[in-house]
Protein backbone atom coordinates (compact mmCIF):
# COMPACT_ATOMS: atom_id res chain seq x y z
CA MET A 1 57.36 113.36 77.36
CA ALA A 2 60.96 112.18 77.11
CA THR A 3 63.19 110.45 79.66
CA GLU A 4 66.87 111.30 79.48
CA ILE A 5 69.55 108.62 79.25
CA ARG A 6 72.70 109.77 81.04
CA VAL A 7 76.12 108.34 81.86
CA PRO A 8 75.99 106.80 85.35
CA THR A 9 78.59 107.33 88.04
CA LEU A 10 81.59 105.38 86.80
CA GLY A 11 83.31 104.73 90.10
CA GLU A 12 86.26 105.99 92.07
CA SER A 13 88.97 107.67 89.95
CA VAL A 14 87.14 107.02 86.67
CA SER A 15 86.45 110.35 84.94
CA GLU A 16 85.35 109.38 81.45
CA ALA A 17 84.15 106.56 79.22
CA THR A 18 84.01 105.80 75.51
CA ILE A 19 80.80 104.82 73.71
CA GLY A 20 81.37 101.24 72.62
CA ARG A 21 78.16 100.56 70.73
CA TRP A 22 74.43 101.17 70.88
CA PHE A 23 72.24 98.09 70.98
CA LYS A 24 69.22 99.99 69.62
CA LYS A 25 68.54 102.47 66.84
CA PRO A 26 66.37 105.62 67.09
CA GLY A 27 62.75 104.57 66.84
CA ASP A 28 63.30 101.08 68.28
CA THR A 29 61.01 99.99 71.10
CA VAL A 30 62.78 99.55 74.44
CA LYS A 31 61.75 98.16 77.79
CA ALA A 32 62.73 99.51 81.19
CA ASP A 33 66.08 98.11 82.41
CA GLU A 34 66.89 96.73 78.95
CA PRO A 35 70.59 97.26 77.97
CA LEU A 36 70.82 100.21 75.58
CA VAL A 37 74.45 101.16 75.18
CA GLU A 38 77.87 99.77 76.07
CA LEU A 39 80.46 102.04 77.68
CA GLU A 40 84.18 101.30 77.82
CA THR A 41 86.18 102.76 80.69
CA ASP A 42 89.85 102.23 81.38
CA LYS A 43 88.92 99.59 83.94
CA VAL A 44 85.82 97.71 82.73
CA THR A 45 83.12 97.59 80.10
CA LEU A 46 79.64 98.33 81.42
CA GLU A 47 76.12 98.59 80.06
CA VAL A 48 73.66 101.43 80.55
CA ASN A 49 70.09 100.20 80.91
CA ALA A 50 66.95 101.97 79.79
CA PRO A 51 65.54 104.15 82.59
CA ALA A 52 61.99 103.73 81.23
CA SER A 53 59.96 101.95 78.56
CA GLY A 54 59.11 103.58 75.25
CA GLN A 55 60.93 104.29 72.00
CA LEU A 56 64.54 105.33 71.63
CA GLY A 57 64.67 108.97 70.57
CA ASP A 58 67.71 110.90 69.41
CA ILE A 59 71.16 109.47 70.15
CA VAL A 60 73.32 112.37 71.33
CA ALA A 61 76.60 110.50 72.00
CA LYS A 62 77.67 108.42 69.00
CA ASP A 63 79.87 105.32 68.89
CA GLY A 64 83.50 106.12 69.73
CA GLU A 65 82.78 109.42 71.46
CA THR A 66 84.19 110.15 74.93
CA VAL A 67 81.70 111.11 77.63
CA GLU A 68 81.86 112.07 81.30
CA PRO A 69 79.65 110.96 84.21
CA GLY A 70 76.28 112.68 83.95
CA ALA A 71 76.61 113.43 80.23
CA LEU A 72 73.48 113.05 78.08
CA LEU A 73 73.52 109.96 75.88
CA GLY A 74 70.05 110.14 74.37
CA SER A 75 66.40 109.96 75.32
CA ILE A 76 63.42 107.64 75.47
CA VAL A 77 60.09 108.87 74.12
CA GLU A 78 56.86 107.59 75.61
CA GLY A 79 54.68 106.35 72.78
CA GLY A 80 56.52 108.52 70.24
CA ALA A 81 57.75 107.70 66.80
CA GLY A 82 61.35 107.56 67.85
CA GLU A 83 61.95 111.28 67.67
CA ALA A 84 62.67 113.03 70.93
CA PRO A 85 60.77 116.19 71.80
CA LYS A 86 62.65 119.43 71.50
CA ALA A 87 63.14 119.70 75.25
CA ALA A 88 65.01 116.40 75.29
CA LYS A 89 67.57 117.62 72.76
CA GLU A 90 68.50 120.82 74.56
CA PRO A 91 70.23 119.17 77.57
CA ALA A 92 72.86 117.86 75.14
CA LYS A 93 74.64 121.17 75.71
CA GLU A 94 74.85 120.65 79.46
CA PRO A 95 77.99 118.47 79.56
CA ALA A 96 79.87 121.05 77.49
CA LYS A 97 78.90 123.81 79.93
CA ALA A 98 79.83 121.78 82.98
CA GLU A 99 83.07 120.38 81.55
CA PRO A 100 85.47 123.16 82.65
CA ALA A 101 84.27 122.84 86.24
CA LYS A 102 84.92 119.11 86.46
CA ALA A 103 88.08 118.19 88.32
CA GLU A 104 89.87 114.89 88.51
CA PRO A 105 89.67 113.09 91.90
CA ALA A 106 92.51 114.20 94.19
CA LYS A 107 93.53 110.63 94.95
CA GLU A 108 93.79 109.54 91.31
CA PRO A 109 97.60 109.21 91.20
CA THR A 110 97.77 106.94 94.24
CA LYS A 111 94.75 104.68 93.91
CA SER A 112 95.05 101.10 92.74
CA SER A 113 92.76 98.49 91.27
CA ALA A 114 92.04 95.13 88.86
CA ALA A 115 91.75 95.10 85.66
CA ALA A 116 92.10 98.80 86.97
CA TYR A 117 94.72 101.33 86.36
CA GLY A 118 96.35 104.70 86.57
CA ASN A 119 95.58 108.07 85.08
CA HIS A 120 92.71 108.42 82.68
CA GLY A 121 92.09 109.92 79.29
CA GLU A 122 94.20 110.18 76.16
CA ALA A 123 97.70 111.56 76.41
CA ALA A 124 98.67 114.26 73.95
CA PRO A 125 100.47 112.92 70.87
CA SER A 126 104.25 113.30 70.94
CA GLY A 127 105.27 116.81 70.07
CA GLN A 128 101.74 118.23 70.24
CA ALA A 129 101.61 121.41 72.32
CA ARG A 130 98.78 121.99 74.73
CA PRO A 131 97.03 125.35 74.47
CA ALA A 132 98.21 127.78 77.14
CA GLY A 133 95.81 127.95 80.04
CA ASP A 134 93.71 125.09 78.64
CA HIS A 135 92.90 123.53 82.00
CA GLY A 136 90.28 123.67 84.74
CA PRO A 137 90.15 126.01 87.73
CA ALA A 138 91.46 123.33 90.10
CA VAL A 139 94.67 123.07 88.06
CA GLY A 140 95.04 126.85 88.07
CA ARG A 141 94.56 127.00 91.84
CA ILE A 142 97.18 124.29 92.48
CA ALA A 143 99.58 126.02 90.08
CA GLN A 144 99.14 129.31 91.95
CA GLU A 145 99.62 127.73 95.37
CA SER A 146 102.55 125.44 94.47
CA GLY A 147 104.34 127.41 91.77
CA VAL A 148 104.33 124.37 89.44
CA ASP A 149 103.80 125.44 85.82
CA PRO A 150 101.04 123.28 84.22
CA SER A 151 102.82 123.57 80.87
CA SER A 152 105.72 121.55 82.33
CA VAL A 153 103.45 118.70 83.41
CA GLN A 154 102.56 115.81 81.12
CA GLY A 155 98.76 115.79 80.93
CA SER A 156 96.74 112.58 81.16
CA GLY A 157 93.33 114.09 80.44
CA LYS A 158 91.43 114.28 77.19
CA ASP A 159 93.54 115.72 74.35
CA GLY A 160 96.53 115.91 76.71
CA ARG A 161 94.94 118.33 79.17
CA VAL A 162 96.56 118.59 82.59
CA THR A 163 94.27 117.29 85.31
CA LYS A 164 94.15 117.98 89.03
CA GLY A 165 95.65 114.52 89.61
CA ASP A 166 98.57 115.32 87.28
CA MET A 167 99.28 118.53 89.19
CA LEU A 168 99.12 116.83 92.60
CA ALA A 169 101.53 114.15 91.36
CA ALA A 170 103.91 116.83 90.06
CA VAL A 171 103.76 118.71 93.38
CA LYS A 172 104.48 115.52 95.34
CA GLY A 173 107.37 114.82 93.00
CA GLY A 174 108.98 118.14 93.84
CA GLY A 175 107.51 120.01 90.91
CA ALA A 176 109.16 117.83 88.31
CA ALA A 177 107.31 117.11 85.13
CA ALA A 178 105.61 113.76 84.84
CA PRO A 179 107.35 111.00 82.88
CA ALA A 180 107.44 111.37 79.13
CA PRO A 181 104.79 109.54 77.08
CA ALA A 182 105.29 105.84 76.58
CA PRO A 183 107.12 104.82 73.41
CA THR A 184 103.83 103.44 72.06
CA GLN A 185 102.75 107.06 71.57
CA ILE A 186 105.66 107.89 69.25
CA ALA A 187 104.60 108.04 65.61
CA ARG A 188 105.77 104.97 63.71
CA ALA A 189 107.59 105.10 60.42
CA PRO A 190 105.34 104.46 57.42
CA SER A 191 105.35 100.94 56.04
CA ALA A 192 106.41 100.14 52.52
CA PRO A 193 103.44 100.18 50.11
CA ASP A 194 103.57 96.40 49.61
CA ASP A 195 103.55 95.86 53.39
CA ALA A 196 100.92 98.49 54.15
CA SER A 197 98.34 96.70 52.00
CA ARG A 198 98.72 93.62 54.20
CA GLU A 199 98.42 95.41 57.52
CA GLU A 200 95.30 95.77 59.65
CA ARG A 201 94.87 98.81 61.88
CA VAL A 202 92.58 98.36 64.90
CA ARG A 203 92.03 101.06 67.50
CA MET A 204 93.16 100.10 70.98
CA THR A 205 90.36 99.70 73.48
CA LYS A 206 90.23 102.01 76.46
CA LEU A 207 91.31 99.11 78.68
CA ARG A 208 94.30 98.25 76.47
CA GLN A 209 95.39 101.91 76.31
CA THR A 210 95.32 102.10 80.09
CA ILE A 211 97.18 98.80 80.53
CA ALA A 212 99.92 100.06 78.22
CA ARG A 213 100.15 103.43 79.96
CA ARG A 214 100.15 102.05 83.49
CA LEU A 215 102.76 99.39 82.79
CA LYS A 216 105.09 101.98 81.33
CA ASP A 217 104.34 104.41 84.17
CA ALA A 218 105.25 101.68 86.68
CA GLN A 219 108.59 101.15 84.96
CA ASN A 220 109.28 104.89 84.83
CA THR A 221 108.29 105.57 88.44
CA ALA A 222 109.28 102.61 90.61
CA ALA A 223 112.80 101.31 91.24
CA MET A 224 111.64 97.89 90.11
CA LEU A 225 113.67 94.77 90.78
CA THR A 226 112.84 91.05 90.62
CA THR A 227 114.09 88.26 92.83
CA PHE A 228 113.52 84.53 92.25
CA ASN A 229 113.18 81.31 94.16
CA ASP A 230 111.79 77.87 93.45
CA VAL A 231 109.34 75.78 95.41
CA ASP A 232 108.72 72.05 95.59
CA MET A 233 104.99 71.71 94.97
CA GLY A 234 104.87 68.03 95.93
CA ALA A 235 103.22 68.54 99.34
CA VAL A 236 100.51 70.86 98.01
CA MET A 237 99.83 68.59 95.03
CA SER A 238 99.53 65.55 97.31
CA LEU A 239 97.16 67.41 99.66
CA ARG A 240 95.08 68.63 96.73
CA GLN A 241 94.87 65.16 95.20
CA GLN A 242 93.81 63.64 98.52
CA TYR A 243 91.01 66.10 99.30
CA LYS A 244 89.88 67.63 95.99
CA ASP A 245 86.74 65.48 95.66
CA ILE A 246 85.64 65.98 99.28
CA PHE A 247 86.46 69.68 99.02
CA GLU A 248 84.37 70.20 95.89
CA LYS A 249 81.46 68.20 97.29
CA LYS A 250 81.36 70.24 100.49
CA HIS A 251 82.18 73.72 99.22
CA GLY A 252 80.81 73.59 95.67
CA THR A 253 84.05 74.80 94.13
CA LYS A 254 87.25 73.15 92.93
CA LEU A 255 90.38 73.07 95.06
CA GLY A 256 93.09 74.81 93.05
CA PHE A 257 96.52 76.16 93.86
CA MET A 258 95.54 79.81 94.21
CA GLY A 259 93.97 79.35 97.66
CA PHE A 260 97.26 77.97 99.00
CA PHE A 261 99.29 80.71 97.35
CA THR A 262 97.01 83.46 98.64
CA LYS A 263 97.25 82.14 102.18
CA ALA A 264 101.02 81.84 101.90
CA VAL A 265 101.27 85.39 100.53
CA ILE A 266 99.22 86.79 103.43
CA GLN A 267 101.49 85.13 105.99
CA ALA A 268 104.54 86.52 104.19
CA LEU A 269 102.99 90.01 104.04
CA LYS A 270 102.45 89.92 107.79
CA ASP A 271 106.10 89.00 108.31
CA VAL A 272 107.38 91.57 105.78
CA PRO A 273 104.93 94.52 105.94
CA ALA A 274 106.99 96.67 103.55
CA VAL A 275 105.75 94.54 100.65
CA ASN A 276 102.19 95.53 101.60
CA ALA A 277 102.99 99.26 101.65
CA GLU A 278 103.03 102.10 99.13
CA ILE A 279 104.69 105.49 98.72
CA ASP A 280 102.54 108.61 99.04
CA GLY A 281 104.71 111.65 98.43
CA GLN A 282 107.34 111.55 101.19
CA ASP A 283 105.34 109.12 103.32
CA LEU A 284 105.20 105.33 103.47
CA VAL A 285 101.66 103.99 103.91
CA TYR A 286 101.62 100.57 105.58
CA LYS A 287 98.41 98.64 104.91
CA ASN A 288 97.23 96.69 107.93
CA TYR A 289 94.73 94.84 105.76
CA TYR A 290 95.17 92.36 102.95
CA HIS A 291 93.27 92.94 99.72
CA VAL A 292 94.89 90.50 97.29
CA GLY A 293 94.50 91.12 93.57
CA ILE A 294 94.36 88.05 91.31
CA ALA A 295 95.33 88.79 87.70
CA VAL A 296 92.85 87.32 85.22
CA GLY A 297 93.35 87.25 81.45
CA THR A 298 90.33 88.13 79.29
CA ASP A 299 89.86 88.55 75.55
CA LYS A 300 90.01 92.33 76.12
CA GLY A 301 93.14 92.32 78.25
CA LEU A 302 94.41 91.69 81.75
CA VAL A 303 92.18 92.63 84.68
CA VAL A 304 92.89 92.28 88.40
CA PRO A 305 89.84 91.63 90.60
CA VAL A 306 90.55 91.96 94.31
CA VAL A 307 89.79 89.46 97.08
CA ARG A 308 89.15 91.88 99.92
CA ASP A 309 90.22 91.04 103.48
CA ALA A 310 91.60 87.75 102.20
CA ASP A 311 93.20 87.13 105.59
CA THR A 312 89.74 86.58 107.08
CA LEU A 313 88.82 83.92 104.51
CA SER A 314 89.49 80.20 104.54
CA ILE A 315 91.07 78.49 101.56
CA ALA A 316 87.54 77.52 100.50
CA GLY A 317 86.38 81.13 100.78
CA ILE A 318 89.31 82.32 98.67
CA GLU A 319 88.69 79.67 96.01
CA LYS A 320 84.99 80.62 95.85
CA ALA A 321 85.83 84.30 95.47
CA ILE A 322 88.34 83.62 92.70
CA ALA A 323 85.96 81.28 90.87
CA GLY A 324 83.26 83.95 91.04
CA PHE A 325 85.61 86.57 89.60
CA GLY A 326 86.57 84.16 86.83
CA ARG A 327 82.93 83.72 85.80
CA LYS A 328 82.30 87.46 85.89
CA ALA A 329 85.43 88.13 83.85
CA ARG A 330 84.40 85.64 81.16
CA ASP A 331 80.92 87.17 81.01
CA GLY A 332 82.24 90.74 80.99
CA LYS A 333 80.41 91.45 84.27
CA LEU A 334 83.30 92.60 86.46
CA SER A 335 82.48 95.92 88.10
CA ILE A 336 84.86 98.75 88.90
CA GLU A 337 84.39 98.02 92.60
CA ASP A 338 85.64 94.45 92.01
CA MET A 339 89.04 95.81 90.96
CA GLN A 340 89.71 98.60 93.43
CA GLY A 341 91.79 98.79 96.58
CA GLY A 342 94.27 95.95 96.07
CA THR A 343 97.39 95.97 98.26
CA PHE A 344 99.30 93.12 96.58
CA THR A 345 98.89 91.17 93.33
CA ILE A 346 99.40 87.54 92.28
CA THR A 347 99.72 86.65 88.60
CA ASN A 348 99.88 83.10 87.27
CA GLY A 349 101.67 82.78 83.95
CA GLY A 350 101.95 79.04 84.52
CA ILE A 351 98.46 78.43 83.16
CA TYR A 352 99.81 79.58 79.78
CA GLY A 353 103.00 77.53 80.09
CA SER A 354 105.40 80.21 81.32
CA LEU A 355 108.56 78.84 82.94
CA MET A 356 109.84 82.15 84.32
CA SER A 357 108.98 85.85 84.04
CA THR A 358 109.55 89.24 85.67
CA PRO A 359 106.06 90.64 86.33
CA ILE A 360 105.54 94.42 86.28
CA LEU A 361 104.21 96.12 89.40
CA ASN A 362 100.54 97.01 89.67
CA ALA A 363 101.22 100.59 90.83
CA PRO A 364 101.14 101.95 93.46
CA GLN A 365 101.57 98.53 95.06
CA SER A 366 105.12 97.67 96.04
CA GLY A 367 105.06 93.96 95.20
CA ILE A 368 103.68 91.40 92.74
CA LEU A 369 104.18 87.63 92.84
CA GLY A 370 104.58 85.67 89.61
CA MET A 371 103.64 81.97 89.58
CA HIS A 372 104.81 79.69 86.79
CA ARG A 373 104.30 76.21 85.40
CA ILE A 374 105.05 73.14 87.48
CA GLU A 375 107.48 70.70 85.92
CA GLU A 376 109.53 67.82 87.17
CA ARG A 377 113.19 68.75 87.58
CA PRO A 378 116.14 66.92 89.15
CA VAL A 379 116.85 68.11 92.68
CA VAL A 380 119.00 66.74 95.49
CA ARG A 381 117.16 65.30 98.49
CA GLY A 382 119.16 63.60 101.26
CA GLY A 383 122.20 63.29 99.03
CA LYS A 384 120.21 61.67 96.22
CA ILE A 385 118.95 63.12 92.94
CA GLU A 386 115.17 62.98 92.64
CA ALA A 387 112.65 64.23 90.11
CA ARG A 388 110.40 66.71 91.93
CA PRO A 389 107.50 68.93 90.78
CA MET A 390 109.14 72.35 90.93
CA MET A 391 107.84 75.86 90.26
CA TYR A 392 109.80 79.07 89.86
CA LEU A 393 108.49 82.02 91.86
CA ALA A 394 109.26 85.64 90.96
CA LEU A 395 108.74 88.65 93.20
CA SER A 396 108.96 92.03 91.50
CA TYR A 397 109.18 94.79 94.08
CA ASP A 398 109.73 98.52 94.46
CA HIS A 399 113.27 98.86 95.76
CA ARG A 400 112.42 102.35 97.08
CA ILE A 401 110.34 100.65 99.77
CA VAL A 402 111.49 97.04 99.94
CA ASP A 403 115.11 96.14 100.64
CA GLY A 404 116.71 93.11 99.02
CA LYS A 405 116.80 91.24 102.33
CA GLU A 406 113.08 91.81 102.81
CA ALA A 407 112.28 90.65 99.28
CA VAL A 408 114.27 87.44 99.68
CA THR A 409 112.73 86.82 103.11
CA PHE A 410 109.25 87.29 101.63
CA LEU A 411 109.83 84.62 98.98
CA VAL A 412 111.41 82.24 101.50
CA ARG A 413 108.31 82.54 103.71
CA ILE A 414 106.10 81.60 100.76
CA LYS A 415 108.37 78.70 99.87
CA GLU A 416 108.32 77.39 103.46
CA ALA A 417 104.53 77.58 103.68
CA LEU A 418 103.93 75.78 100.37
CA GLU A 419 106.48 73.05 101.00
CA ASP A 420 104.91 72.42 104.43
CA PRO A 421 101.20 73.33 104.09
CA ALA A 422 100.61 72.59 107.78
CA ARG A 423 102.16 76.01 108.38
CA LEU A 424 99.12 77.57 106.68
CA VAL A 425 96.79 75.85 109.12
CA LEU A 426 98.91 76.56 112.19
CA ASP A 427 99.72 80.14 111.10
CA LEU A 428 103.46 79.56 111.39
């Protein structure tokens, strides 16, 4: 008797995964719940555990192949010699039969997350035509109802196929075709022979492909603008220095700067709700909740886990949540759920030494705050020049939603809260 190994549900808006690597070979003994295969999605890397004990039978999905939720990966044979019974091999045809009926989630174009990001699947290479009518029934139905020609829409599905999400985005955009492929998809000129021998070609991971696509999509879609301010971090640094030991002893986590910034951001979002909104077709959706994404760099790329309902947490609660995400990111244990639903993002380039930057929006959010390194600079205080620990702040925002006055006001609110931390306690 054989037990099938199938792709689990990958999470909201995730329609496919790539086989990273198998940890076992056919014939190897496996234990129940032992990791068998690594899957890469465009949000996270996850492991599929053995559903039963026995021996690994045939491997149906090889390394590098793209699979959908529910697809057969292989089988486990009870007490066998590593070869799956005939019945276990036959279901390998099932994903191919079911594939045309699978439709992309309707909300795919407007959902946001950590890590997580945008449309899924490979875009068609530049200049490659998609076969006429090569799409699912959902796409055909939307085309019939809306009059939008699928051939005029840039597909984001496998091999450039147009998905239901692509069609819905085109309909909301007035039937216009989706933005052209990012420049990274344009074929590069061949290198000179002497140079080519010294080059190394490495395939982009699913996560890196999605980061590249979403960043370019954000630039193509949003009317993105950045405004700057600076903040005197002296008060926060003094408070942190005074209480960091007591704080860590009581709460079991270090007192950093991110708790203060998150609290300041939430107060500013309440004062300027447009920065916590997003565009959905011809509507503006104002979020009356505060799920703050914290950008975290990993060896596989940038991910953005989300501190949900951050307005209900204390500074200690925020610091604990961020520390937990940091550990999970380092261990590769972040889940898709950890990176979904963010309404605003904070990114800290200062930990790498950045003095100033213009962060790119985490679409469909309308704002992202960039923190930078703290350095002593001469400033005027009471008519005298003093050296103060200053940080540049950058707010990139979608000018379609947020006016310049609102953007400047938002940064001023953050500056006021950080330069007088008592405001965070008194909710001023």
